[in-house]
C-alpha atoms as a PDB file:
ATOM      1  CA  MET A   1     221.298 187.694 144.280  1.00  0.00           C
ATOM      2  CA  LYS A   2     218.357 189.713 145.609  1.00  0.00           C
ATOM      3  CA  GLU A   3     218.780 192.301 142.840  1.00  0.00           C
ATOM      4  CA  LEU A   4     218.806 189.499 140.270  1.00  0.00           C
ATOM      5  CA  LEU A   5     215.614 188.029 141.724  1.00  0.00           C
ATOM      6  CA  ASP A   6     213.955 191.445 141.796  1.00  0.00           C
ATOM      7  CA  ALA A   7     214.875 192.104 138.165  1.00  0.00           C
ATOM      8  CA  ALA A   8     213.560 188.705 137.079  1.00  0.00           C
ATOM      9  CA  THR A   9     210.296 189.337 138.923  1.00  0.00           C
ATOM     10  CA  ALA A  10     209.915 192.769 137.344  1.00  0.00           C
ATOM     11  CA  LEU A  11     210.510 191.320 133.874  1.00  0.00           C
ATOM     12  CA  ALA A  12     207.917 188.590 134.470  1.00  0.00           C
ATOM     13  CA  VAL A  13     205.357 191.298 135.265  1.00  0.00           C
ATOM     14  CA  LEU A  14     206.121 193.261 132.092  1.00  0.00           C
ATOM     15  CA  LEU A  15     206.319 190.437 129.539  1.00  0.00           C
ATOM     16  CA  PRO A  16     204.035 187.564 128.498  1.00  0.00           C
ATOM     17  CA  ALA A  17     205.041 184.038 129.478  1.00  0.00           C
ATOM     18  CA  ARG A  18     206.016 183.011 125.933  1.00  0.00           C
ATOM     19  CA  ARG A  19     208.459 185.942 125.726  1.00  0.00           C
ATOM     20  CA  ILE A  20     209.985 185.043 129.101  1.00  0.00           C
ATOM     21  CA  GLU A  21     210.490 181.490 127.856  1.00  0.00           C
ATOM     22  CA  LEU A  22     212.273 182.720 124.713  1.00  0.00           C
ATOM     23  CA  ILE A  23     214.579 184.865 126.839  1.00  0.00           C
ATOM     24  CA  ALA A  24     215.226 181.949 129.209  1.00  0.00           C
ATOM     25  CA  GLU A  25     216.123 179.674 126.297  1.00  0.00           C
ATOM     26  CA  ARG A  26     218.467 182.305 124.846  1.00  0.00           C
ATOM     27  CA  ILE A  27     220.145 182.837 128.236  1.00  0.00           C
ATOM     28  CA  VAL A  28     220.873 179.122 128.515  1.00  0.00           C
ATOM     29  CA  SER A  29     222.604 179.200 125.126  1.00  0.00           C
ATOM     30  CA  SER A  30     224.540 182.426 125.809  1.00  0.00           C
ATOM     31  CA  LYS A  31     228.286 182.001 125.807  1.00  0.00           C
ATOM     32  CA  ALA A  32     228.956 184.588 128.529  1.00  0.00           C
ATOM     33  CA  TYR A  33     227.071 186.503 131.201  1.00  0.00           C
ATOM     34  CA  GLY A  34     224.692 188.861 129.405  1.00  0.00           C
ATOM     35  CA  SER A  35     226.795 188.913 126.231  1.00  0.00           C
ATOM     36  CA  ASP A  36     224.101 187.804 123.798  1.00  0.00           C
ATOM     37  CA  VAL A  37     223.144 190.930 121.859  1.00  0.00           C
ATOM     38  CA  ASP A  38     220.219 189.093 120.245  1.00  0.00           C
ATOM     39  CA  LEU A  39     218.720 188.721 123.703  1.00  0.00           C
ATOM     40  CA  ARG A  40     217.808 192.394 123.738  1.00  0.00           C
ATOM     41  CA  SER A  41     216.040 192.055 120.391  1.00  0.00           C
ATOM     42  CA  LEU A  42     213.380 189.969 122.116  1.00  0.00           C
ATOM     43  CA  VAL A  43     212.174 192.997 124.103  1.00  0.00           C
ATOM     44  CA  VAL A  44     210.621 195.950 122.308  1.00  0.00           C
ATOM     45  CA  THR A  45     209.233 198.294 124.987  1.00  0.00           C
ATOM     46  CA  ALA A  46     211.472 200.773 126.794  1.00  0.00           C
ATOM     47  CA  PRO A  47     210.429 199.775 130.364  1.00  0.00           C
ATOM     48  CA  ALA A  48     210.958 196.064 129.693  1.00  0.00           C
ATOM     49  CA  ARG A  49     214.274 196.736 127.945  1.00  0.00           C
ATOM     50  CA  ALA A  50     215.493 198.712 130.933  1.00  0.00           C
ATOM     51  CA  VAL A  51     214.587 195.861 133.280  1.00  0.00           C
ATOM     52  CA  LEU A  52     216.266 193.328 130.995  1.00  0.00           C
ATOM     53  CA  ASN A  53     219.437 195.420 130.944  1.00  0.00           C
ATOM     54  CA  HIS A  54     219.353 195.525 134.740  1.00  0.00           C
ATOM     55  CA  LEU A  55     218.883 191.753 134.847  1.00  0.00           C
ATOM     56  CA  LEU A  56     221.863 191.230 132.544  1.00  0.00           C
ATOM     57  CA  ALA A  57     223.991 193.612 134.583  1.00  0.00           C
ATOM     58  CA  GLU A  58     223.173 191.733 137.791  1.00  0.00           C
ATOM     59  CA  TRP A  59     223.865 188.419 136.086  1.00  0.00           C
ATOM     60  CA  ALA A  60     227.275 189.707 135.018  1.00  0.00           C
ATOM     61  CA  THR A  61     228.242 190.350 138.646  1.00  0.00           C
ATOM     62  CA  ALA A  62     226.694 187.207 140.108  1.00  0.00           C
ATOM     63  CA  ASP A  63     228.428 183.850 140.287  1.00  0.00           C
ATOM     64  CA  VAL A  64     225.550 181.916 138.701  1.00  0.00           C
ATOM     65  CA  SER A  65     225.119 179.972 135.477  1.00  0.00           C
ATOM     66  CA  GLY A  66     222.831 180.774 132.578  1.00  0.00           C
ATOM     67  CA  GLU A  67     220.782 177.729 133.516  1.00  0.00           C
ATOM     68  CA  MET A  68     220.164 179.178 136.975  1.00  0.00           C
ATOM     69  CA  VAL A  69     219.161 182.600 135.605  1.00  0.00           C
ATOM     70  CA  ALA A  70     216.798 180.913 133.155  1.00  0.00           C
ATOM     71  CA  GLY A  71     215.317 178.883 136.005  1.00  0.00           C
ATOM     72  CA  ILE A  72     214.813 182.034 138.080  1.00  0.00           C
ATOM     73  CA  LEU A  73     213.020 183.684 135.158  1.00  0.00           C
ATOM     74  CA  ARG A  74     210.759 180.691 134.592  1.00  0.00           C
ATOM     75  CA  GLY A  75     209.971 180.410 138.285  1.00  0.00           C
ATOM     76  CA  THR A  76     209.079 184.075 138.723  1.00  0.00           C
ATOM     77  CA  CYS A  77     206.973 183.971 135.552  1.00  0.00           C
ATOM     78  CA  HIS A  78     205.040 180.971 136.836  1.00  0.00           C
ATOM     79  CA  GLY A  79     204.534 182.611 140.225  1.00  0.00           C
ATOM     80  CA  HIS A  80     203.275 185.822 138.652  1.00  0.00           C
ATOM     81  CA  ALA A  81     200.840 183.942 136.400  1.00  0.00           C
ATOM     82  CA  LYS A  82     199.503 181.953 139.358  1.00  0.00           C
ATOM     83  CA  ALA A  83     199.002 185.075 141.478  1.00  0.00           C
ATOM     84  CA  ARG A  84     197.311 186.889 138.582  1.00  0.00           C
ATOM     85  CA  ASN A  85     194.878 184.026 138.024  1.00  0.00           C
ATOM     86  CA  GLU A  86     193.807 183.871 141.651  1.00  0.00           C
ATOM     87  CA  SER A  87     190.544 185.721 142.165  1.00  0.00           C
ATOM     88  CA  SER A  88     189.379 188.011 144.950  1.00  0.00           C
ATOM     89  CA  VAL A  89     185.898 189.504 145.375  1.00  0.00           C
ATOM     90  CA  ASP A  90     185.066 192.577 147.470  1.00  0.00           C
ATOM     91  CA  LEU A  91     181.728 194.170 148.268  1.00  0.00           C
ATOM     92  CA  VAL A  92     181.193 197.732 147.039  1.00  0.00           C
ATOM     93  CA  TRP A  93     178.577 199.994 148.609  1.00  0.00           C
ATOM     94  CA  THR A  94     177.291 203.557 148.314  1.00  0.00           C
ATOM     95  CA  GLY A  95     174.798 204.938 150.830  1.00  0.00           C
ATOM     96  CA  PRO A  96     174.250 204.570 154.576  1.00  0.00           C
ATOM     97  CA  THR A  97     176.865 202.387 156.244  1.00  0.00           C
ATOM     98  CA  THR A  98     177.012 200.259 159.395  1.00  0.00           C
ATOM     99  CA  SER A  99     179.777 198.884 161.565  1.00  0.00           C
ATOM    100  CA  PHE A 100     179.291 195.299 160.409  1.00  0.00           C
ATOM    101  CA  VAL A 101     181.243 195.308 157.164  1.00  0.00           C
ATOM    102  CA  ALA A 102     184.088 197.493 155.895  1.00  0.00           C
ATOM    103  CA  MET A 103     183.127 198.267 152.316  1.00  0.00           C
ATOM    104  CA  ARG A 104     184.574 200.281 149.460  1.00  0.00           C
ATOM    105  CA  ARG A 105     182.548 203.075 147.896  1.00  0.00           C
ATOM    106  CA  THR A 106     181.340 202.888 144.301  1.00  0.00           C
ATOM    107  CA  GLU A 107     183.149 205.986 143.060  1.00  0.00           C
ATOM    108  CA  GLN A 108     186.423 205.015 144.724  1.00  0.00           C
ATOM    109  CA  VAL A 109     186.394 201.551 143.161  1.00  0.00           C
ATOM    110  CA  LEU A 110     185.533 202.804 139.680  1.00  0.00           C
ATOM    111  CA  LEU A 111     188.227 205.491 139.743  1.00  0.00           C
ATOM    112  CA  ASP A 112     190.803 202.988 140.989  1.00  0.00           C
ATOM    113  CA  LEU A 113     189.911 200.507 138.245  1.00  0.00           C
ATOM    114  CA  ILE A 114     190.285 203.204 135.570  1.00  0.00           C
ATOM    115  CA  ARG A 115     193.635 204.360 136.986  1.00  0.00           C
ATOM    116  CA  ARG A 116     195.050 200.846 137.036  1.00  0.00           C
ATOM    117  CA  ALA A 117     194.102 199.986 133.436  1.00  0.00           C
ATOM    118  CA  GLU A 118     197.238 199.228 131.417  1.00  0.00           C
ATOM    119  CA  MET A 119     195.862 198.301 127.973  1.00  0.00           C
ATOM    120  CA  ASP A 120     192.104 198.568 127.598  1.00  0.00           C
ATOM    121  CA  LEU A 121     189.011 199.587 129.492  1.00  0.00           C
ATOM    122  CA  PHE A 122     185.340 198.847 128.757  1.00  0.00           C
ATOM    123  CA  ILE A 123     182.606 200.797 130.561  1.00  0.00           C
ATOM    124  CA  VAL A 124     178.891 199.940 130.274  1.00  0.00           C
ATOM    125  CA  SER A 125     176.136 202.103 131.783  1.00  0.00           C
ATOM    126  CA  PHE A 126     172.467 202.907 131.150  1.00  0.00           C
ATOM    127  CA  VAL A 127     172.966 206.660 131.439  1.00  0.00           C
ATOM    128  CA  ALA A 128     175.965 208.906 132.011  1.00  0.00           C
ATOM    129  CA  TYR A 129     176.068 212.504 133.232  1.00  0.00           C
ATOM    130  CA  ASP A 130     177.334 214.721 136.064  1.00  0.00           C
ATOM    131  CA  VAL A 131     180.392 212.575 136.846  1.00  0.00           C
ATOM    132  CA  LYS A 132     183.336 214.974 136.682  1.00  0.00           C
ATOM    133  CA  SER A 133     185.711 212.727 138.613  1.00  0.00           C
ATOM    134  CA  VAL A 134     185.059 209.745 136.335  1.00  0.00           C
ATOM    135  CA  VAL A 135     185.312 211.888 133.196  1.00  0.00           C
ATOM    136  CA  ALA A 136     188.669 213.235 134.372  1.00  0.00           C
ATOM    137  CA  GLU A 137     190.054 209.735 134.948  1.00  0.00           C
ATOM    138  CA  LEU A 138     188.718 208.465 131.610  1.00  0.00           C
ATOM    139  CA  ASN A 139     190.413 211.337 129.795  1.00  0.00           C
ATOM    140  CA  SER A 140     193.599 210.629 131.723  1.00  0.00           C
ATOM    141  CA  ALA A 141     193.392 206.970 130.634  1.00  0.00           C
ATOM    142  CA  VAL A 142     192.960 208.013 127.002  1.00  0.00           C
ATOM    143  CA  GLY A 143     195.923 210.352 127.383  1.00  0.00           C
ATOM    144  CA  ARG A 144     198.235 207.545 128.492  1.00  0.00           C
ATOM    145  CA  GLY A 145     197.227 205.367 125.538  1.00  0.00           C
ATOM    146  CA  ILE A 146     194.522 203.169 127.064  1.00  0.00           C
ATOM    147  CA  ASP A 147     191.927 201.842 124.596  1.00  0.00           C
ATOM    148  CA  VAL A 148     188.733 203.166 126.235  1.00  0.00           C
ATOM    149  CA  LYS A 149     185.404 201.778 125.006  1.00  0.00           C
ATOM    150  CA  ILE A 150     182.043 202.976 126.372  1.00  0.00           C
ATOM    151  CA  LEU A 151     178.574 201.486 125.822  1.00  0.00           C
ATOM    152  CA  VAL A 152     175.506 203.449 126.941  1.00  0.00           C
ATOM    153  CA  GLU A 153     171.779 203.364 126.192  1.00  0.00           C
ATOM    154  CA  SER A 154     170.768 205.326 123.088  1.00  0.00           C
ATOM    155  CA  SER A 155     168.333 208.217 122.980  1.00  0.00           C
ATOM    156  CA  SER A 156     164.810 207.625 121.639  1.00  0.00           C
ATOM    157  CA  ALA A 157     165.826 209.507 118.488  1.00  0.00           C
ATOM    158  CA  HIS A 158     168.398 206.776 117.794  1.00  0.00           C
ATOM    159  CA  GLY A 159     166.363 203.693 118.646  1.00  0.00           C
ATOM    160  CA  GLY A 160     166.860 203.758 122.405  1.00  0.00           C
ATOM    161  CA  SER A 161     164.629 204.582 125.334  1.00  0.00           C
ATOM    162  CA  LEU A 162     165.977 207.865 126.732  1.00  0.00           C
ATOM    163  CA  ASN A 163     164.918 211.455 126.191  1.00  0.00           C
ATOM    164  CA  VAL A 164     168.497 212.515 126.891  1.00  0.00           C
ATOM    165  CA  ASP A 165     171.414 211.347 124.743  1.00  0.00           C
ATOM    166  CA  PRO A 166     174.194 209.668 126.786  1.00  0.00           C
ATOM    167  CA  VAL A 167     176.173 209.015 123.613  1.00  0.00           C
ATOM    168  CA  LYS A 168     176.331 212.739 122.857  1.00  0.00           C
ATOM    169  CA  THR A 169     177.227 213.470 126.482  1.00  0.00           C
ATOM    170  CA  MET A 170     180.129 211.024 126.525  1.00  0.00           C
ATOM    171  CA  ARG A 171     181.365 212.127 123.095  1.00  0.00           C
ATOM    172  CA  THR A 172     181.513 215.694 124.373  1.00  0.00           C
ATOM    173  CA  HIS A 173     183.203 214.939 127.666  1.00  0.00           C
ATOM    174  CA  VAL A 174     185.474 212.011 126.680  1.00  0.00           C
ATOM    175  CA  PRO A 175     186.241 212.672 123.000  1.00  0.00           C
ATOM    176  CA  GLY A 176     189.061 210.132 122.899  1.00  0.00           C
ATOM    177  CA  ALA A 177     186.843 207.198 123.877  1.00  0.00           C
ATOM    178  CA  VAL A 178     185.281 204.852 121.331  1.00  0.00           C
ATOM    179  CA  LEU A 179     181.498 204.844 121.819  1.00  0.00           C
ATOM    180  CA  TYR A 180     179.129 201.966 121.128  1.00  0.00           C
ATOM    181  CA  ALA A 181     175.354 201.520 121.021  1.00  0.00           C
ATOM    182  CA  TRP A 182     172.940 198.610 120.829  1.00  0.00           C
ATOM    183  CA  LEU A 183     171.232 199.714 117.623  1.00  0.00           C
ATOM    184  CA  GLU A 184     169.571 196.565 116.261  1.00  0.00           C
ATOM    185  CA  ARG A 185     167.302 195.055 118.902  1.00  0.00           C
ATOM    186  CA  GLY A 186     165.457 192.326 117.067  1.00  0.00           C
ATOM    187  CA  HIS A 187     163.395 189.484 118.534  1.00  0.00           C
ATOM    188  CA  PRO A 188     163.346 188.727 121.427  1.00  0.00           C
ATOM    189  CA  PHE A 189     165.018 192.005 122.481  1.00  0.00           C
ATOM    190  CA  GLN A 190     162.788 194.598 120.776  1.00  0.00           C
ATOM    191  CA  ASP A 191     162.102 196.485 124.002  1.00  0.00           C
ATOM    192  CA  GLY A 192     165.434 195.721 125.601  1.00  0.00           C
ATOM    193  CA  ARG A 193     167.638 198.280 127.327  1.00  0.00           C
ATOM    194  CA  VAL A 194     171.359 198.628 127.973  1.00  0.00           C
ATOM    195  CA  HIS A 195     170.769 198.130 131.677  1.00  0.00           C
ATOM    196  CA  ALA A 196     174.092 196.535 132.622  1.00  0.00           C
ATOM    197  CA  LYS A 197     176.496 198.604 134.704  1.00  0.00           C
ATOM    198  CA  VAL A 198     179.953 197.121 134.462  1.00  0.00           C
ATOM    199  CA  ALA A 199     183.557 198.141 134.007  1.00  0.00           C
ATOM    200  CA  VAL A 200     186.378 195.800 133.054  1.00  0.00           C
ATOM    201  CA  ALA A 201     190.082 196.638 132.801  1.00  0.00           C
ATOM    202  CA  ASP A 202     192.551 194.508 130.827  1.00  0.00           C
ATOM    203  CA  GLY A 203     190.504 191.370 131.455  1.00  0.00           C
ATOM    204  CA  ARG A 204     192.069 191.362 134.927  1.00  0.00           C
ATOM    205  CA  ALA A 205     189.619 193.379 137.040  1.00  0.00           C
ATOM    206  CA  ALA A 206     185.858 193.790 136.733  1.00  0.00           C
ATOM    207  CA  PHE A 207     183.376 195.981 138.583  1.00  0.00           C
ATOM    208  CA  ILE A 208     179.719 194.901 138.472  1.00  0.00           C
ATOM    209  CA  THR A 209     177.354 197.380 140.102  1.00  0.00           C
ATOM    210  CA  SER A 210     173.810 198.684 140.324  1.00  0.00           C
ATOM    211  CA  ALA A 211     175.124 202.237 139.898  1.00  0.00           C
ATOM    212  CA  ASN A 212     174.810 204.250 136.702  1.00  0.00           C
ATOM    213  CA  LEU A 213     177.432 206.826 135.745  1.00  0.00           C
ATOM    214  CA  THR A 214     175.606 209.670 137.466  1.00  0.00           C
ATOM    215  CA  GLY A 215     176.420 211.958 140.356  1.00  0.00           C
ATOM    216  CA  HIS A 216     173.509 210.656 142.419  1.00  0.00           C
ATOM    217  CA  ALA A 217     174.462 207.024 141.845  1.00  0.00           C
ATOM    218  CA  LEU A 218     178.081 207.587 142.849  1.00  0.00           C
ATOM    219  CA  GLU A 219     177.432 209.854 145.820  1.00  0.00           C
ATOM    220  CA  LYS A 220     173.864 209.713 147.163  1.00  0.00           C
ATOM    221  CA  ASN A 221     171.925 206.619 146.085  1.00  0.00           C
ATOM    222  CA  MET A 222     171.969 203.287 147.875  1.00  0.00           C
ATOM    223  CA  GLU A 223     173.963 201.197 145.397  1.00  0.00           C
ATOM    224  CA  ALA A 224     175.645 197.803 145.685  1.00  0.00           C
ATOM    225  CA  GLY A 225     178.138 195.859 143.624  1.00  0.00           C
ATOM    226  CA  VAL A 226     181.219 193.671 143.625  1.00  0.00           C
ATOM    227  CA  VAL A 227     184.742 194.189 142.322  1.00  0.00           C
ATOM    228  CA  ILE A 228     186.501 191.064 141.080  1.00  0.00           C
ATOM    229  CA  GLU A 229     190.286 190.945 140.812  1.00  0.00           C
ATOM    230  CA  GLY A 230     191.898 188.176 138.777  1.00  0.00           C
ATOM    231  CA  GLY A 231     190.444 184.824 137.887  1.00  0.00           C
ATOM    232  CA  ARG A 232     188.178 183.937 134.958  1.00  0.00           C
ATOM    233  CA  ILE A 233     185.280 186.390 135.375  1.00  0.00           C
ATOM    234  CA  PRO A 234     187.017 189.631 134.247  1.00  0.00           C
ATOM    235  CA  LEU A 235     188.506 187.865 131.232  1.00  0.00           C
ATOM    236  CA  ILE A 236     185.174 186.276 130.289  1.00  0.00           C
ATOM    237  CA  LEU A 237     183.364 189.610 130.639  1.00  0.00           C
ATOM    238  CA  ARG A 238     185.918 191.377 128.468  1.00  0.00           C
ATOM    239  CA  SER A 239     185.747 188.632 125.821  1.00  0.00           C
ATOM    240  CA  HIS A 240     181.935 188.756 125.824  1.00  0.00           C
ATOM    241  CA  LEU A 241     181.794 192.524 125.311  1.00  0.00           C
ATOM    242  CA  HIS A 242     184.330 192.386 122.502  1.00  0.00           C
ATOM    243  CA  ALA A 243     182.433 189.497 120.887  1.00  0.00           C
ATOM    244  CA  LEU A 244     179.271 191.639 120.890  1.00  0.00           C
ATOM    245  CA  ILE A 245     181.245 194.163 118.850  1.00  0.00           C
ATOM    246  CA  ASP A 246     182.710 191.543 116.505  1.00  0.00           C
ATOM    247  CA  THR A 247     179.234 190.117 115.791  1.00  0.00           C
ATOM    248  CA  LYS A 248     177.834 193.626 115.092  1.00  0.00           C
ATOM    249  CA  ILE A 249     175.367 193.464 117.975  1.00  0.00           C
ATOM    250  CA  LEU A 250     177.118 196.532 119.344  1.00  0.00           C
ATOM    251  CA  ARG A 251     178.056 199.144 116.779  1.00  0.00           C
ATOM    252  CA  ARG A 252     180.419 202.055 116.938  1.00  0.00           C
ATOM    253  CA  VAL A 253     178.594 205.406 116.900  1.00  0.00           C
END
């Protein structure tokens, strides 16, 4: 039974709730343990299909009904969704430390967030240079199929405020990323800057920080921020950034 529970839990992690419900309904109507070939047609990715096959194999050896297997699937799916929606907030700090609070460093948190992205990643920074570790992880994310979007301040030659060109820098160092700029800054934002420093992965984790994507900010400056896991904030932040693209406020460059 433990193997069956483990397989159901693994499937709930890999598939959306609506897909789990379809599988549960099909299991209830199956005539024999794991015999419904159409059941496998509901899963399209190789990892999820492997887990489903394991689930069906365990069901075939267990003395349980289809109704019970469906109930296990629904229960694990609900538990996973509840855990995912619960939010945790941790303080992130770069610079001199004290013994009062155990804090995570800016670079460590950012690299971890990039590594754990499963679908998409959105990075926003005022400037970006001299960050080899971050560049390496961003390229690794692109290599494993993550949709990486980056928004930085534009150079003065392109309507921004900087003498350097962060867009050119990121295009050179992370060629697989999609780059965006705030090109049309009408009233009341004529003199506005891309001053936000945030990173959001999959709408599930968000890092909000004072640190730019620079070597000094990640290693030497006194910088503070928070990393938020789960809950509404990462999803809202992701939706907001994508809406800025959809409304043409941010444009691909």
